Amino acid sequence: MRVLGIDPGLTRCGFGVVDGGPARSVRLEGVGVITSNRGQGVDLRLLEIYRGLTHVIEQYAPDMVAIERVFSQNNVSTVMGTAQVSGLAIVLAAERGIPVQMHTPSEVKRAITGNGRADKAQIQNMVHKILRLDALPKPADAADAVAIAITQLWRGSGPVKLGSDGARRTSAQAQWAEAERKARRAQEKSTSRL
């Protein structure tokens, strides 16, 4: 599964694309930061981020998008910008039918380092080790986005599928529904033979 991790921010929006394989193996496919010009109005800054995220989604075609959940801070303007960029990412994914998961910073820290209070340097170091990179991923926003994507691969619910009734189902729910269908068919076949 390919996951696009997003560390939302109005000035710097980090993104990281990872492919997950067997036995929790992870391969980095892309990483970077989309920036906006602080001298412009919020409308033009959001448009810059929107265009950048659109390009990333089209370039990497992720199966899932994982976004850092906005949390309360003292700086209201930072929270507002982060929330607005999160909304852009959610809408872009929804337009393309890509499932979205949100993870809190402490969930990501715990998944990557084992410590819910880890600092940015610890996250960068662990992402470096997990992916066996030649250098630390920089800036921190990009490393955080990669950590978010890895968290989704390791701890997320997996892709959400639509059932025959159009309802959204996790992969476990989809497997259960398929098992029930097979059991019903088997019972119908055995009953029709009588």
N, C-alpha and C. Protein backbone atom coordinates (compact mmCIF):
# COMPACT_ATOMS: atom_id res chain seq x y z
N MET A 1 0.84 -1.17 0.00
CA MET A 1 0.00 0.00 0.00
C MET A 1 0.88 1.24 0.00
N ARG A 2 0.48 2.24 -0.74
CA ARG A 2 1.21 3.51 -0.79
C ARG A 2 0.44 4.54 0.02
N VAL A 3 1.13 5.18 0.95
CA VAL A 3 0.51 6.18 1.82
C VAL A 3 1.21 7.52 1.62
N LEU A 4 0.39 8.54 1.47
CA LEU A 4 0.87 9.92 1.46
C LEU A 4 0.64 10.49 2.85
N GLY A 5 1.71 10.82 3.53
CA GLY A 5 1.61 11.47 4.84
C GLY A 5 1.73 12.97 4.67
N ILE A 6 0.89 13.71 5.40
CA ILE A 6 0.90 15.17 5.29
C ILE A 6 1.02 15.78 6.68
N ASP A 7 2.02 16.65 6.83
CA ASP A 7 2.18 17.46 8.04
C ASP A 7 1.71 18.86 7.64
N PRO A 8 0.42 19.17 7.91
CA PRO A 8 -0.16 20.40 7.37
C PRO A 8 0.39 21.66 8.02
N GLY A 9 0.57 22.66 7.21
CA GLY A 9 1.00 23.96 7.69
C GLY A 9 0.83 24.97 6.57
N LEU A 10 0.53 26.19 6.92
CA LEU A 10 0.29 27.21 5.90
C LEU A 10 1.58 27.75 5.32
N THR A 11 2.63 27.84 6.13
CA THR A 11 3.91 28.31 5.62
C THR A 11 4.69 27.16 4.99
N ARG A 12 4.73 26.02 5.67
CA ARG A 12 5.40 24.81 5.18
C ARG A 12 4.49 23.62 5.40
N CYS A 13 4.14 22.95 4.32
CA CYS A 13 3.32 21.74 4.39
C CYS A 13 4.21 20.58 3.97
N GLY A 14 4.56 19.74 4.93
CA GLY A 14 5.43 18.60 4.63
C GLY A 14 4.64 17.46 4.03
N PHE A 15 5.28 16.74 3.11
CA PHE A 15 4.65 15.53 2.58
C PHE A 15 5.69 14.42 2.49
N GLY A 16 5.23 13.20 2.68
CA GLY A 16 6.09 12.03 2.56
C GLY A 16 5.28 10.89 1.99
N VAL A 17 5.84 10.21 1.02
CA VAL A 17 5.16 9.09 0.37
C VAL A 17 5.97 7.83 0.64
N VAL A 18 5.31 6.83 1.22
CA VAL A 18 5.98 5.57 1.52
C VAL A 18 5.14 4.40 1.01
N ASP A 19 5.84 3.37 0.59
CA ASP A 19 5.20 2.11 0.19
C ASP A 19 5.45 1.10 1.30
N GLY A 20 4.39 0.42 1.69
CA GLY A 20 4.50 -0.61 2.71
C GLY A 20 4.54 -1.99 2.08
N GLY A 21 5.38 -2.86 2.63
CA GLY A 21 5.49 -4.22 2.13
C GLY A 21 5.31 -5.22 3.25
N PRO A 22 5.67 -6.47 3.00
CA PRO A 22 5.51 -7.50 4.03
C PRO A 22 6.43 -7.25 5.23
N ALA A 23 6.01 -7.76 6.36
CA ALA A 23 6.78 -7.69 7.61
C ALA A 23 7.15 -6.26 7.98
N ARG A 24 6.20 -5.36 7.82
CA ARG A 24 6.37 -3.95 8.18
C ARG A 24 7.50 -3.25 7.43
N SER A 25 7.87 -3.77 6.27
CA SER A 25 8.91 -3.10 5.49
C SER A 25 8.33 -1.82 4.89
N VAL A 26 9.17 -0.81 4.78
CA VAL A 26 8.76 0.49 4.30
C VAL A 26 9.81 1.03 3.34
N ARG A 27 9.34 1.59 2.23
CA ARG A 27 10.26 2.18 1.27
C ARG A 27 9.81 3.61 0.97
N LEU A 28 10.74 4.54 1.02
CA LEU A 28 10.45 5.94 0.74
C LEU A 28 10.34 6.14 -0.77
N GLU A 29 9.24 6.78 -1.18
CA GLU A 29 9.02 7.06 -2.60
C GLU A 29 9.17 8.55 -2.92
N GLY A 30 8.87 9.39 -1.96
CA GLY A 30 8.98 10.83 -2.20
C GLY A 30 8.85 11.59 -0.90
N VAL A 31 9.49 12.74 -0.83
CA VAL A 31 9.44 13.56 0.38
C VAL A 31 9.73 15.00 -0.01
N GLY A 32 9.10 15.91 0.69
CA GLY A 32 9.36 17.32 0.40
C GLY A 32 8.48 18.24 1.23
N VAL A 33 8.56 19.50 0.89
CA VAL A 33 7.79 20.53 1.58
C VAL A 33 7.19 21.46 0.53
N ILE A 34 5.93 21.75 0.69
CA ILE A 34 5.25 22.73 -0.16
C ILE A 34 5.18 24.02 0.66
N THR A 35 5.65 25.11 0.10
CA THR A 35 5.68 26.37 0.84
C THR A 35 4.72 27.39 0.22
N SER A 36 4.36 28.36 1.05
CA SER A 36 3.57 29.49 0.55
C SER A 36 4.26 30.78 0.98
N ASN A 37 4.00 31.82 0.25
CA ASN A 37 4.62 33.11 0.46
C ASN A 37 3.92 33.85 1.61
N ARG A 38 4.65 34.09 2.69
CA ARG A 38 4.07 34.76 3.87
C ARG A 38 3.57 36.17 3.55
N GLY A 39 4.08 36.77 2.50
CA GLY A 39 3.69 38.13 2.14
C GLY A 39 2.35 38.22 1.43
N GLN A 40 1.78 37.08 1.07
CA GLN A 40 0.50 37.08 0.37
C GLN A 40 -0.66 36.87 1.34
N GLY A 41 -1.86 37.13 0.85
CA GLY A 41 -3.06 36.89 1.64
C GLY A 41 -3.29 35.40 1.81
N VAL A 42 -4.11 35.05 2.78
CA VAL A 42 -4.36 33.64 3.08
C VAL A 42 -4.97 32.92 1.88
N ASP A 43 -5.78 33.62 1.08
CA ASP A 43 -6.40 32.97 -0.08
C ASP A 43 -5.35 32.49 -1.08
N LEU A 44 -4.37 33.34 -1.37
CA LEU A 44 -3.33 32.97 -2.33
C LEU A 44 -2.38 31.94 -1.74
N ARG A 45 -2.16 32.02 -0.44
CA ARG A 45 -1.29 31.03 0.21
C ARG A 45 -1.94 29.64 0.17
N LEU A 46 -3.24 29.58 0.44
CA LEU A 46 -3.95 28.31 0.37
C LEU A 46 -3.96 27.77 -1.05
N LEU A 47 -4.08 28.66 -2.02
CA LEU A 47 -4.05 28.24 -3.43
C LEU A 47 -2.69 27.62 -3.77
N GLU A 48 -1.60 28.19 -3.28
CA GLU A 48 -0.27 27.62 -3.51
C GLU A 48 -0.18 26.20 -2.93
N ILE A 49 -0.65 26.05 -1.69
CA ILE A 49 -0.62 24.74 -1.04
C ILE A 49 -1.52 23.75 -1.79
N TYR A 50 -2.69 24.22 -2.20
CA TYR A 50 -3.64 23.39 -2.95
C TYR A 50 -2.99 22.86 -4.23
N ARG A 51 -2.35 23.74 -4.97
CA ARG A 51 -1.71 23.34 -6.22
C ARG A 51 -0.57 22.35 -5.97
N GLY A 52 0.19 22.61 -4.92
CA GLY A 52 1.29 21.71 -4.58
C GLY A 52 0.80 20.33 -4.18
N LEU A 53 -0.23 20.28 -3.34
CA LEU A 53 -0.79 18.99 -2.92
C LEU A 53 -1.42 18.25 -4.10
N THR A 54 -2.08 18.99 -4.98
CA THR A 54 -2.66 18.38 -6.17
C THR A 54 -1.58 17.69 -7.00
N HIS A 55 -0.47 18.38 -7.19
CA HIS A 55 0.65 17.82 -7.95
C HIS A 55 1.19 16.56 -7.28
N VAL A 56 1.36 16.61 -5.97
CA VAL A 56 1.90 15.45 -5.23
C VAL A 56 0.96 14.25 -5.35
N ILE A 57 -0.34 14.47 -5.19
CA ILE A 57 -1.31 13.37 -5.28
C ILE A 57 -1.31 12.78 -6.68
N GLU A 58 -1.29 13.64 -7.69
CA GLU A 58 -1.29 13.14 -9.07
C GLU A 58 0.02 12.43 -9.41
N GLN A 59 1.13 12.91 -8.90
CA GLN A 59 2.42 12.29 -9.19
C GLN A 59 2.57 10.92 -8.55
N TYR A 60 2.14 10.79 -7.28
CA TYR A 60 2.40 9.55 -6.53
C TYR A 60 1.21 8.60 -6.44
N ALA A 61 0.01 9.04 -6.75
CA ALA A 61 -1.20 8.20 -6.73
C ALA A 61 -1.28 7.32 -5.48
N PRO A 62 -1.41 7.93 -4.30
CA PRO A 62 -1.45 7.13 -3.06
C PRO A 62 -2.76 6.34 -2.92
N ASP A 63 -2.66 5.23 -2.17
CA ASP A 63 -3.85 4.44 -1.84
C ASP A 63 -4.57 5.03 -0.64
N MET A 64 -3.84 5.80 0.15
CA MET A 64 -4.38 6.37 1.37
C MET A 64 -3.64 7.65 1.69
N VAL A 65 -4.34 8.57 2.34
CA VAL A 65 -3.73 9.82 2.80
C VAL A 65 -3.83 9.85 4.32
N ALA A 66 -2.72 10.09 4.98
CA ALA A 66 -2.67 10.20 6.44
C ALA A 66 -2.24 11.63 6.78
N ILE A 67 -3.00 12.27 7.66
CA ILE A 67 -2.77 13.67 8.00
C ILE A 67 -2.62 13.81 9.50
N GLU A 68 -1.68 14.68 9.90
CA GLU A 68 -1.56 14.96 11.33
C GLU A 68 -2.79 15.73 11.78
N ARG A 69 -3.41 15.24 12.85
CA ARG A 69 -4.61 15.87 13.39
C ARG A 69 -4.24 17.18 14.07
N VAL A 70 -5.01 18.21 13.78
CA VAL A 70 -4.80 19.53 14.39
C VAL A 70 -5.04 19.41 15.88
N PHE A 71 -4.14 19.98 16.66
CA PHE A 71 -4.33 19.98 18.10
C PHE A 71 -4.25 21.40 18.61
N SER A 72 -4.76 21.61 19.80
CA SER A 72 -4.85 22.95 20.37
C SER A 72 -3.47 23.48 20.75
N GLN A 73 -3.25 24.72 20.36
CA GLN A 73 -2.02 25.41 20.73
C GLN A 73 -2.40 26.79 21.24
N ASN A 74 -1.41 27.50 21.76
CA ASN A 74 -1.66 28.87 22.20
C ASN A 74 -1.77 29.82 21.03
N ASN A 75 -1.10 29.53 19.93
CA ASN A 75 -1.08 30.41 18.78
C ASN A 75 -2.26 30.07 17.85
N VAL A 76 -3.33 30.85 17.97
CA VAL A 76 -4.56 30.58 17.22
C VAL A 76 -4.34 30.68 15.71
N SER A 77 -3.52 31.63 15.26
CA SER A 77 -3.31 31.78 13.82
C SER A 77 -2.62 30.55 13.24
N THR A 78 -1.71 29.95 13.99
CA THR A 78 -1.04 28.73 13.52
C THR A 78 -2.05 27.58 13.42
N VAL A 79 -2.90 27.45 14.42
CA VAL A 79 -3.92 26.40 14.41
C VAL A 79 -4.87 26.59 13.24
N MET A 80 -5.27 27.82 12.97
CA MET A 80 -6.20 28.10 11.87
C MET A 80 -5.57 27.70 10.53
N GLY A 81 -4.33 28.12 10.30
CA GLY A 81 -3.67 27.77 9.05
C GLY A 81 -3.51 26.27 8.89
N THR A 82 -3.15 25.60 9.97
CA THR A 82 -2.99 24.15 9.95
C THR A 82 -4.32 23.47 9.64
N ALA A 83 -5.38 23.94 10.26
CA ALA A 83 -6.72 23.37 10.02
C ALA A 83 -7.17 23.60 8.58
N GLN A 84 -6.89 24.79 8.05
CA GLN A 84 -7.28 25.09 6.68
C GLN A 84 -6.54 24.18 5.69
N VAL A 85 -5.26 23.96 5.89
CA VAL A 85 -4.49 23.09 5.01
C VAL A 85 -4.95 21.65 5.16
N SER A 86 -5.28 21.23 6.38
CA SER A 86 -5.82 19.87 6.58
C SER A 86 -7.09 19.70 5.77
N GLY A 87 -7.95 20.70 5.80
CA GLY A 87 -9.20 20.64 5.04
C GLY A 87 -8.94 20.51 3.55
N LEU A 88 -7.95 21.26 3.03
CA LEU A 88 -7.60 21.14 1.61
C LEU A 88 -7.20 19.70 1.27
N ALA A 89 -6.34 19.13 2.11
CA ALA A 89 -5.86 17.77 1.86
C ALA A 89 -7.01 16.76 1.89
N ILE A 90 -7.91 16.93 2.84
CA ILE A 90 -9.05 16.01 2.95
C ILE A 90 -9.93 16.10 1.71
N VAL A 91 -10.21 17.32 1.26
CA VAL A 91 -11.06 17.50 0.08
C VAL A 91 -10.38 16.93 -1.17
N LEU A 92 -9.08 17.21 -1.34
CA LEU A 92 -8.37 16.67 -2.50
C LEU A 92 -8.42 15.14 -2.53
N ALA A 93 -8.25 14.52 -1.37
CA ALA A 93 -8.33 13.05 -1.31
C ALA A 93 -9.75 12.58 -1.59
N ALA A 94 -10.74 13.23 -1.00
CA ALA A 94 -12.13 12.83 -1.18
C ALA A 94 -12.56 12.93 -2.64
N GLU A 95 -12.10 13.98 -3.34
CA GLU A 95 -12.43 14.13 -4.76
C GLU A 95 -11.97 12.93 -5.58
N ARG A 96 -10.89 12.31 -5.14
CA ARG A 96 -10.30 11.20 -5.88
C ARG A 96 -10.68 9.84 -5.29
N GLY A 97 -11.51 9.84 -4.27
CA GLY A 97 -11.92 8.58 -3.64
C GLY A 97 -10.83 7.92 -2.82
N ILE A 98 -9.87 8.71 -2.35
CA ILE A 98 -8.77 8.16 -1.55
C ILE A 98 -9.15 8.27 -0.07
N PRO A 99 -9.11 7.17 0.67
CA PRO A 99 -9.43 7.22 2.09
C PRO A 99 -8.44 8.09 2.86
N VAL A 100 -8.93 8.71 3.93
CA VAL A 100 -8.12 9.60 4.77
C VAL A 100 -8.16 9.11 6.21
N GLN A 101 -7.02 9.13 6.86
CA GLN A 101 -6.90 8.84 8.30
C GLN A 101 -6.19 10.01 8.94
N MET A 102 -6.56 10.31 10.17
CA MET A 102 -5.91 11.37 10.94
C MET A 102 -5.19 10.73 12.13
N HIS A 103 -4.01 11.27 12.45
CA HIS A 103 -3.23 10.79 13.59
C HIS A 103 -2.76 11.98 14.41
N THR A 104 -2.87 11.88 15.73
CA THR A 104 -2.39 12.94 16.60
C THR A 104 -0.87 12.90 16.65
N PRO A 105 -0.24 14.02 16.99
CA PRO A 105 1.23 14.02 17.11
C PRO A 105 1.74 12.96 18.08
N SER A 106 1.06 12.77 19.21
CA SER A 106 1.55 11.78 20.18
C SER A 106 1.40 10.35 19.64
N GLU A 107 0.37 10.07 18.83
CA GLU A 107 0.24 8.75 18.20
C GLU A 107 1.42 8.49 17.27
N VAL A 108 1.78 9.50 16.50
CA VAL A 108 2.89 9.36 15.56
C VAL A 108 4.20 9.16 16.32
N LYS A 109 4.44 9.97 17.34
CA LYS A 109 5.66 9.84 18.12
C LYS A 109 5.78 8.46 18.75
N ARG A 110 4.66 7.97 19.28
CA ARG A 110 4.66 6.66 19.93
C ARG A 110 4.91 5.55 18.91
N ALA A 111 4.28 5.66 17.72
CA ALA A 111 4.45 4.62 16.69
C ALA A 111 5.88 4.57 16.16
N ILE A 112 6.50 5.73 16.02
CA ILE A 112 7.83 5.79 15.40
C ILE A 112 8.95 5.58 16.41
N THR A 113 8.83 6.17 17.60
CA THR A 113 9.93 6.11 18.57
C THR A 113 9.62 5.26 19.80
N GLY A 114 8.33 4.96 20.02
CA GLY A 114 7.94 4.26 21.24
C GLY A 114 7.70 5.21 22.39
N ASN A 115 7.88 6.51 22.15
CA ASN A 115 7.72 7.52 23.19
C ASN A 115 6.79 8.62 22.66
N GLY A 116 5.63 8.78 23.29
CA GLY A 116 4.66 9.78 22.88
C GLY A 116 5.09 11.21 23.10
N ARG A 117 6.24 11.41 23.75
CA ARG A 117 6.76 12.76 24.00
C ARG A 117 8.07 13.03 23.28
N ALA A 118 8.38 12.25 22.27
CA ALA A 118 9.64 12.40 21.54
C ALA A 118 9.72 13.77 20.87
N ASP A 119 10.93 14.27 20.71
CA ASP A 119 11.09 15.57 20.03
C ASP A 119 11.36 15.34 18.54
N LYS A 120 11.43 16.45 17.80
CA LYS A 120 11.59 16.37 16.34
C LYS A 120 12.88 15.66 15.94
N ALA A 121 13.95 15.88 16.68
CA ALA A 121 15.22 15.23 16.36
C ALA A 121 15.11 13.71 16.50
N GLN A 122 14.41 13.24 17.53
CA GLN A 122 14.23 11.80 17.71
C GLN A 122 13.41 11.21 16.56
N ILE A 123 12.39 11.93 16.12
CA ILE A 123 11.57 11.45 15.01
C ILE A 123 12.42 11.38 13.74
N GLN A 124 13.20 12.42 13.46
CA GLN A 124 14.06 12.41 12.28
C GLN A 124 15.03 11.24 12.32
N ASN A 125 15.63 10.99 13.48
CA ASN A 125 16.58 9.88 13.62
C ASN A 125 15.93 8.53 13.37
N MET A 126 14.73 8.34 13.92
CA MET A 126 14.04 7.06 13.73
C MET A 126 13.58 6.88 12.30
N VAL A 127 13.08 7.93 11.67
CA VAL A 127 12.70 7.83 10.25
C VAL A 127 13.93 7.47 9.42
N HIS A 128 15.06 8.07 9.75
CA HIS A 128 16.33 7.78 9.09
C HIS A 128 16.69 6.30 9.23
N LYS A 129 16.54 5.75 10.43
CA LYS A 129 16.88 4.34 10.67
C LYS A 129 15.87 3.39 10.03
N ILE A 130 14.59 3.69 10.17
CA ILE A 130 13.54 2.82 9.63
C ILE A 130 13.70 2.68 8.12
N LEU A 131 13.97 3.80 7.45
CA LEU A 131 14.05 3.80 5.99
C LEU A 131 15.47 3.53 5.48
N ARG A 132 16.44 3.42 6.40
CA ARG A 132 17.84 3.18 6.03
C ARG A 132 18.33 4.22 5.02
N LEU A 133 18.10 5.48 5.36
CA LEU A 133 18.47 6.59 4.48
C LEU A 133 19.95 6.95 4.67
N ASP A 134 20.54 7.57 3.66
CA ASP A 134 21.92 8.02 3.75
C ASP A 134 22.07 9.25 4.63
N ALA A 135 21.00 10.06 4.70
CA ALA A 135 21.05 11.30 5.48
C ALA A 135 19.72 11.50 6.20
N LEU A 136 19.77 12.31 7.23
CA LEU A 136 18.54 12.64 7.96
C LEU A 136 17.58 13.37 7.04
N PRO A 137 16.29 13.03 7.09
CA PRO A 137 15.33 13.77 6.26
C PRO A 137 15.14 15.18 6.82
N LYS A 138 15.25 16.18 5.95
CA LYS A 138 15.10 17.57 6.36
C LYS A 138 14.22 18.28 5.36
N PRO A 139 13.53 19.32 5.73
CA PRO A 139 13.38 19.84 7.08
C PRO A 139 12.51 18.93 7.94
N ALA A 140 12.33 19.33 9.18
CA ALA A 140 11.57 18.52 10.13
C ALA A 140 10.14 18.27 9.66
N ASP A 141 9.55 19.23 8.93
CA ASP A 141 8.18 19.07 8.44
C ASP A 141 8.09 17.87 7.49
N ALA A 142 9.11 17.68 6.66
CA ALA A 142 9.13 16.55 5.74
C ALA A 142 9.31 15.24 6.49
N ALA A 143 10.20 15.23 7.48
CA ALA A 143 10.40 14.02 8.29
C ALA A 143 9.13 13.67 9.05
N ASP A 144 8.43 14.68 9.56
CA ASP A 144 7.17 14.44 10.27
C ASP A 144 6.13 13.82 9.34
N ALA A 145 6.08 14.30 8.10
CA ALA A 145 5.11 13.75 7.13
C ALA A 145 5.41 12.29 6.83
N VAL A 146 6.69 11.96 6.70
CA VAL A 146 7.08 10.56 6.47
C VAL A 146 6.69 9.72 7.69
N ALA A 147 6.91 10.26 8.89
CA ALA A 147 6.53 9.55 10.12
C ALA A 147 5.02 9.31 10.17
N ILE A 148 4.25 10.27 9.73
CA ILE A 148 2.78 10.12 9.70
C ILE A 148 2.40 8.99 8.75
N ALA A 149 3.03 8.94 7.58
CA ALA A 149 2.74 7.88 6.61
C ALA A 149 3.12 6.50 7.17
N ILE A 150 4.28 6.42 7.82
CA ILE A 150 4.71 5.14 8.42
C ILE A 150 3.73 4.73 9.52
N THR A 151 3.29 5.69 10.32
CA THR A 151 2.32 5.40 11.38
C THR A 151 1.07 4.78 10.77
N GLN A 152 0.59 5.33 9.67
CA GLN A 152 -0.60 4.78 9.02
C GLN A 152 -0.36 3.34 8.57
N LEU A 153 0.80 3.08 7.99
CA LEU A 153 1.10 1.72 7.55
C LEU A 153 1.14 0.75 8.73
N TRP A 154 1.75 1.16 9.81
CA TRP A 154 1.95 0.27 10.94
C TRP A 154 0.77 0.19 11.90
N ARG A 155 0.04 1.29 12.05
CA ARG A 155 -1.01 1.31 13.07
C ARG A 155 -2.39 1.68 12.56
N GLY A 156 -2.47 2.09 11.31
CA GLY A 156 -3.74 2.54 10.76
C GLY A 156 -4.69 1.39 10.50
N SER A 157 -5.91 1.75 10.16
CA SER A 157 -6.95 0.74 9.92
C SER A 157 -6.89 0.19 8.51
N GLY A 158 -6.01 0.70 7.67
CA GLY A 158 -5.93 0.23 6.30
C GLY A 158 -6.96 0.91 5.44
N PRO A 159 -6.96 0.59 4.16
CA PRO A 159 -7.88 1.26 3.27
C PRO A 159 -9.32 0.90 3.59
N VAL A 160 -10.18 1.85 3.34
CA VAL A 160 -11.61 1.65 3.56
C VAL A 160 -12.25 1.36 2.22
N LYS A 161 -13.00 0.28 2.15
CA LYS A 161 -13.64 -0.12 0.91
C LYS A 161 -15.13 0.16 1.01
N LEU A 162 -15.76 0.29 -0.16
CA LEU A 162 -17.21 0.43 -0.19
C LEU A 162 -17.81 -0.94 -0.36
N GLY A 163 -18.80 -1.24 0.47
CA GLY A 163 -19.51 -2.51 0.35
C GLY A 163 -20.53 -2.45 -0.78
N SER A 164 -21.20 -3.57 -1.06
CA SER A 164 -22.20 -3.60 -2.12
C SER A 164 -23.36 -2.65 -1.83
N ASP A 165 -23.55 -2.33 -0.54
CA ASP A 165 -24.60 -1.39 -0.17
C ASP A 165 -24.13 0.06 -0.18
N GLY A 166 -22.86 0.28 -0.56
CA GLY A 166 -22.31 1.64 -0.62
C GLY A 166 -21.75 2.12 0.70
N ALA A 167 -21.86 1.32 1.76
CA ALA A 167 -21.36 1.72 3.08
C ALA A 167 -19.84 1.56 3.12
N ARG A 168 -19.18 2.47 3.84
CA ARG A 168 -17.72 2.41 3.98
C ARG A 168 -17.37 1.31 4.98
N ARG A 169 -16.37 0.49 4.62
CA ARG A 169 -15.95 -0.60 5.49
C ARG A 169 -14.44 -0.62 5.57
N THR A 170 -13.92 -0.92 6.77
CA THR A 170 -12.49 -1.16 6.90
C THR A 170 -12.18 -2.49 6.24
N SER A 171 -10.89 -2.79 6.05
CA SER A 171 -10.52 -4.05 5.40
C SER A 171 -11.03 -5.25 6.23
N ALA A 172 -10.98 -5.14 7.56
CA ALA A 172 -11.47 -6.22 8.42
C ALA A 172 -12.98 -6.41 8.24
N GLN A 173 -13.72 -5.30 8.18
CA GLN A 173 -15.18 -5.40 7.97
C GLN A 173 -15.49 -5.98 6.60
N ALA A 174 -14.72 -5.61 5.59
CA ALA A 174 -14.93 -6.13 4.24
C ALA A 174 -14.67 -7.64 4.21
N GLN A 175 -13.62 -8.10 4.90
CA GLN A 175 -13.33 -9.53 4.95
C GLN A 175 -14.44 -10.29 5.67
N TRP A 176 -14.96 -9.72 6.74
CA TRP A 176 -16.05 -10.35 7.49
C TRP A 176 -17.29 -10.47 6.61
N ALA A 177 -17.63 -9.38 5.91
CA ALA A 177 -18.81 -9.39 5.03
C ALA A 177 -18.65 -10.45 3.93
N GLU A 178 -17.44 -10.56 3.36
CA GLU A 178 -17.19 -11.55 2.32
C GLU A 178 -17.33 -12.97 2.89
N ALA A 179 -16.84 -13.20 4.09
CA ALA A 179 -16.96 -14.51 4.73
C ALA A 179 -18.44 -14.86 4.97
N GLU A 180 -19.22 -13.86 5.39
CA GLU A 180 -20.65 -14.10 5.59
C GLU A 180 -21.34 -14.44 4.28
N ARG A 181 -20.98 -13.74 3.19
CA ARG A 181 -21.57 -14.03 1.87
C ARG A 181 -21.24 -15.46 1.44
N LYS A 182 -19.99 -15.86 1.61
CA LYS A 182 -19.60 -17.22 1.23
C LYS A 182 -20.34 -18.26 2.05
N ALA A 183 -20.51 -18.00 3.34
CA ALA A 183 -21.24 -18.94 4.20
C ALA A 183 -22.70 -19.05 3.77
N ARG A 184 -23.32 -17.91 3.42
CA ARG A 184 -24.72 -17.93 2.96
C ARG A 184 -24.84 -18.72 1.66
N ARG A 185 -23.91 -18.49 0.72
CA ARG A 185 -23.95 -19.22 -0.56
C ARG A 185 -23.80 -20.72 -0.33
N ALA A 186 -22.88 -21.10 0.54
CA ALA A 186 -22.67 -22.51 0.82
C ALA A 186 -23.92 -23.14 1.42
N GLN A 187 -24.57 -22.37 2.33
CA GLN A 187 -25.80 -22.89 2.95
C GLN A 187 -26.93 -22.99 1.92
N GLU A 188 -27.03 -22.00 1.04
CA GLU A 188 -28.07 -22.03 0.01
C GLU A 188 -27.87 -23.21 -0.93
N LYS A 189 -26.61 -23.51 -1.30
CA LYS A 189 -26.32 -24.64 -2.17
C LYS A 189 -26.68 -25.96 -1.50
N SER A 190 -26.35 -26.09 -0.22
CA SER A 190 -26.64 -27.34 0.50
C SER A 190 -28.15 -27.50 0.70
N THR A 191 -28.87 -26.41 0.89
CA THR A 191 -30.33 -26.46 1.07
C THR A 191 -31.03 -26.76 -0.24
N SER A 192 -30.50 -26.25 -1.36
CA SER A 192 -31.14 -26.47 -2.67
C SER A 192 -30.99 -27.91 -3.15
N ARG A 193 -30.01 -28.64 -2.62
CA ARG A 193 -29.79 -30.03 -3.01
C ARG A 193 -30.80 -30.98 -2.35
N LEU A 194 -31.44 -30.51 -1.28
CA LEU A 194 -32.37 -31.37 -0.55
C LEU A 194 -33.67 -31.56 -1.25
